[in-house]
Amino acid sequence: MTTTSRMDHILLAHLRFSEAQIWPGGDGLTIDVVLASYPQVAAAGQVPDKEELLRLHPDLTVELEAFFSESQFSRSMPPRDSSPYDLATAIRAD
């Protein structure tokens, strides 16, 4: 398993057990859309944030830093006060 796919697996596992109402396959959502919601769900305190993930998975530092970089999400992220479901709707509408 590559480090990126391992990171995706870890992030998806956290999202799966959160209160976020977003999951791949539901309403045509893709894994990429669901993963794009992770920073917002983390900001809401529903899943481990970047710092906690870095502490738990130091071997994924490069991948996690890239994942959480502002440039990766700047085009698709709605305002911070949107819910994870709103995020999926906003991204799907693009």
C-alpha atoms as a PDB file:
ATOM      1  CA  MET A   1       0.000   0.000   0.000  1.00  0.00           C
ATOM      2  CA  THR A   2       1.439   3.385  -0.970  1.00  0.00           C
ATOM      3  CA  THR A   3       1.711   6.111   1.650  1.00  0.00           C
ATOM      4  CA  THR A   4      -0.937   8.192  -0.136  1.00  0.00           C
ATOM      5  CA  SER A   5      -3.438   5.322  -0.230  1.00  0.00           C
ATOM      6  CA  ARG A   6      -2.612   4.570   3.421  1.00  0.00           C
ATOM      7  CA  MET A   7      -3.269   8.206   4.297  1.00  0.00           C
ATOM      8  CA  ASP A   8      -6.570   8.144   2.369  1.00  0.00           C
ATOM      9  CA  HIS A   9      -7.568   4.979   4.227  1.00  0.00           C
ATOM     10  CA  ILE A  10      -6.796   6.586   7.604  1.00  0.00           C
ATOM     11  CA  LEU A  11      -8.701   9.792   6.802  1.00  0.00           C
ATOM     12  CA  LEU A  12     -11.705   7.889   5.452  1.00  0.00           C
ATOM     13  CA  ALA A  13     -11.792   5.717   8.573  1.00  0.00           C
ATOM     14  CA  HIS A  14     -11.951   8.823  10.767  1.00  0.00           C
ATOM     15  CA  LEU A  15     -14.711  10.326   8.609  1.00  0.00           C
ATOM     16  CA  ARG A  16     -16.681   7.092   8.661  1.00  0.00           C
ATOM     17  CA  PHE A  17     -16.972   7.171  12.437  1.00  0.00           C
ATOM     18  CA  SER A  18     -17.635  10.910  12.689  1.00  0.00           C
ATOM     19  CA  GLU A  19     -20.964  12.682  12.685  1.00  0.00           C
ATOM     20  CA  ALA A  20     -20.301  13.957   9.162  1.00  0.00           C
ATOM     21  CA  GLN A  21     -23.121  13.119   6.793  1.00  0.00           C
ATOM     22  CA  ILE A  22     -20.858  12.531   3.823  1.00  0.00           C
ATOM     23  CA  TRP A  23     -19.641   9.222   2.420  1.00  0.00           C
ATOM     24  CA  PRO A  24     -18.437   7.947  -0.981  1.00  0.00           C
ATOM     25  CA  GLY A  25     -21.208   6.498  -3.096  1.00  0.00           C
ATOM     26  CA  GLY A  26     -23.928   8.380  -1.225  1.00  0.00           C
ATOM     27  CA  ASP A  27     -25.634  10.791  -3.596  1.00  0.00           C
ATOM     28  CA  GLY A  28     -22.892  10.171  -6.164  1.00  0.00           C
ATOM     29  CA  LEU A  29     -20.084  11.476  -3.954  1.00  0.00           C
ATOM     30  CA  THR A  30     -16.558  10.433  -4.870  1.00  0.00           C
ATOM     31  CA  ILE A  31     -13.755   9.587  -2.478  1.00  0.00           C
ATOM     32  CA  ASP A  32     -12.002  12.808  -3.543  1.00  0.00           C
ATOM     33  CA  VAL A  33     -15.044  14.904  -2.561  1.00  0.00           C
ATOM     34  CA  VAL A  34     -15.311  13.145   0.793  1.00  0.00           C
ATOM     35  CA  LEU A  35     -11.594  13.550   1.489  1.00  0.00           C
ATOM     36  CA  ALA A  36     -11.820  17.238   0.542  1.00  0.00           C
ATOM     37  CA  SER A  37     -14.278  17.653   3.427  1.00  0.00           C
ATOM     38  CA  TYR A  38     -11.784  16.328   5.988  1.00  0.00           C
ATOM     39  CA  PRO A  39     -10.201  19.694   6.983  1.00  0.00           C
ATOM     40  CA  GLN A  40     -13.634  21.205   7.545  1.00  0.00           C
ATOM     41  CA  VAL A  41     -14.855  18.221   9.584  1.00  0.00           C
ATOM     42  CA  ALA A  42     -11.606  18.392  11.599  1.00  0.00           C
ATOM     43  CA  ALA A  43     -12.185  22.106  12.237  1.00  0.00           C
ATOM     44  CA  ALA A  44     -15.571  21.150  13.685  1.00  0.00           C
ATOM     45  CA  GLY A  45     -13.785  18.776  16.075  1.00  0.00           C
ATOM     46  CA  GLN A  46     -15.407  15.634  14.669  1.00  0.00           C
ATOM     47  CA  VAL A  47     -12.166  13.961  13.521  1.00  0.00           C
ATOM     48  CA  PRO A  48      -8.475  14.341  14.456  1.00  0.00           C
ATOM     49  CA  ASP A  49      -6.988  17.580  13.159  1.00  0.00           C
ATOM     50  CA  LYS A  50      -3.735  17.969  11.235  1.00  0.00           C
ATOM     51  CA  GLU A  51      -1.560  18.191  14.334  1.00  0.00           C
ATOM     52  CA  GLU A  52      -3.068  15.056  15.867  1.00  0.00           C
ATOM     53  CA  LEU A  53      -2.710  13.134  12.597  1.00  0.00           C
ATOM     54  CA  LEU A  54       0.940  14.202  12.349  1.00  0.00           C
ATOM     55  CA  ARG A  55       1.522  13.020  15.917  1.00  0.00           C
ATOM     56  CA  LEU A  56      -0.207   9.678  15.286  1.00  0.00           C
ATOM     57  CA  HIS A  57       1.345   9.071  11.852  1.00  0.00           C
ATOM     58  CA  PRO A  58       4.792  10.723  11.664  1.00  0.00           C
ATOM     59  CA  ASP A  59       5.632   8.489   8.708  1.00  0.00           C
ATOM     60  CA  LEU A  60       2.973  10.330   6.680  1.00  0.00           C
ATOM     61  CA  THR A  61       4.221  13.852   7.426  1.00  0.00           C
ATOM     62  CA  VAL A  62       4.940  14.773   3.794  1.00  0.00           C
ATOM     63  CA  GLU A  63       1.594  13.451   2.555  1.00  0.00           C
ATOM     64  CA  LEU A  64      -0.410  15.023   5.380  1.00  0.00           C
ATOM     65  CA  GLU A  65       1.317  18.392   4.950  1.00  0.00           C
ATOM     66  CA  ALA A  66       0.491  18.303   1.236  1.00  0.00           C
ATOM     67  CA  PHE A  67      -3.094  17.220   1.929  1.00  0.00           C
ATOM     68  CA  PHE A  68      -3.705  20.075   4.346  1.00  0.00           C
ATOM     69  CA  SER A  69      -1.924  22.691   2.244  1.00  0.00           C
ATOM     70  CA  GLU A  70      -4.000  25.721   1.446  1.00  0.00           C
ATOM     71  CA  SER A  71      -3.321  25.443  -2.283  1.00  0.00           C
ATOM     72  CA  GLN A  72      -4.934  21.991  -2.530  1.00  0.00           C
ATOM     73  CA  PHE A  73      -8.286  23.182  -1.164  1.00  0.00           C
ATOM     74  CA  SER A  74      -8.422  26.857  -2.115  1.00  0.00           C
ATOM     75  CA  ARG A  75     -10.523  26.317  -5.249  1.00  0.00           C
ATOM     76  CA  SER A  76     -13.097  23.884  -3.840  1.00  0.00           C
ATOM     77  CA  MET A  77     -13.607  24.904  -0.216  1.00  0.00           C
ATOM     78  CA  PRO A  78     -16.802  26.807   0.627  1.00  0.00           C
ATOM     79  CA  PRO A  79     -16.913  29.291   3.513  1.00  0.00           C
ATOM     80  CA  ARG A  80     -15.824  27.802   6.868  1.00  0.00           C
ATOM     81  CA  ASP A  81     -19.321  28.006   8.361  1.00  0.00           C
ATOM     82  CA  SER A  82     -20.744  25.469   5.858  1.00  0.00           C
ATOM     83  CA  SER A  83     -21.536  21.957   7.044  1.00  0.00           C
ATOM     84  CA  PRO A  84     -19.783  18.917   5.513  1.00  0.00           C
ATOM     85  CA  TYR A  85     -22.968  18.143   3.570  1.00  0.00           C
ATOM     86  CA  ASP A  86     -22.984  21.682   2.184  1.00  0.00           C
ATOM     87  CA  LEU A  87     -19.379  21.129   1.135  1.00  0.00           C
ATOM     88  CA  ALA A  88     -20.363  18.077  -0.896  1.00  0.00           C
ATOM     89  CA  THR A  89     -23.208  19.989  -2.505  1.00  0.00           C
ATOM     90  CA  ALA A  90     -20.939  22.927  -3.323  1.00  0.00           C
ATOM     91  CA  ILE A  91     -18.253  20.723  -4.864  1.00  0.00           C
ATOM     92  CA  ARG A  92     -20.763  18.651  -6.841  1.00  0.00           C
ATOM     93  CA  ALA A  93     -22.290  21.835  -8.268  1.00  0.00           C
ATOM     94  CA  ASP A  94     -18.950  22.877  -9.803  1.00  0.00           C
END
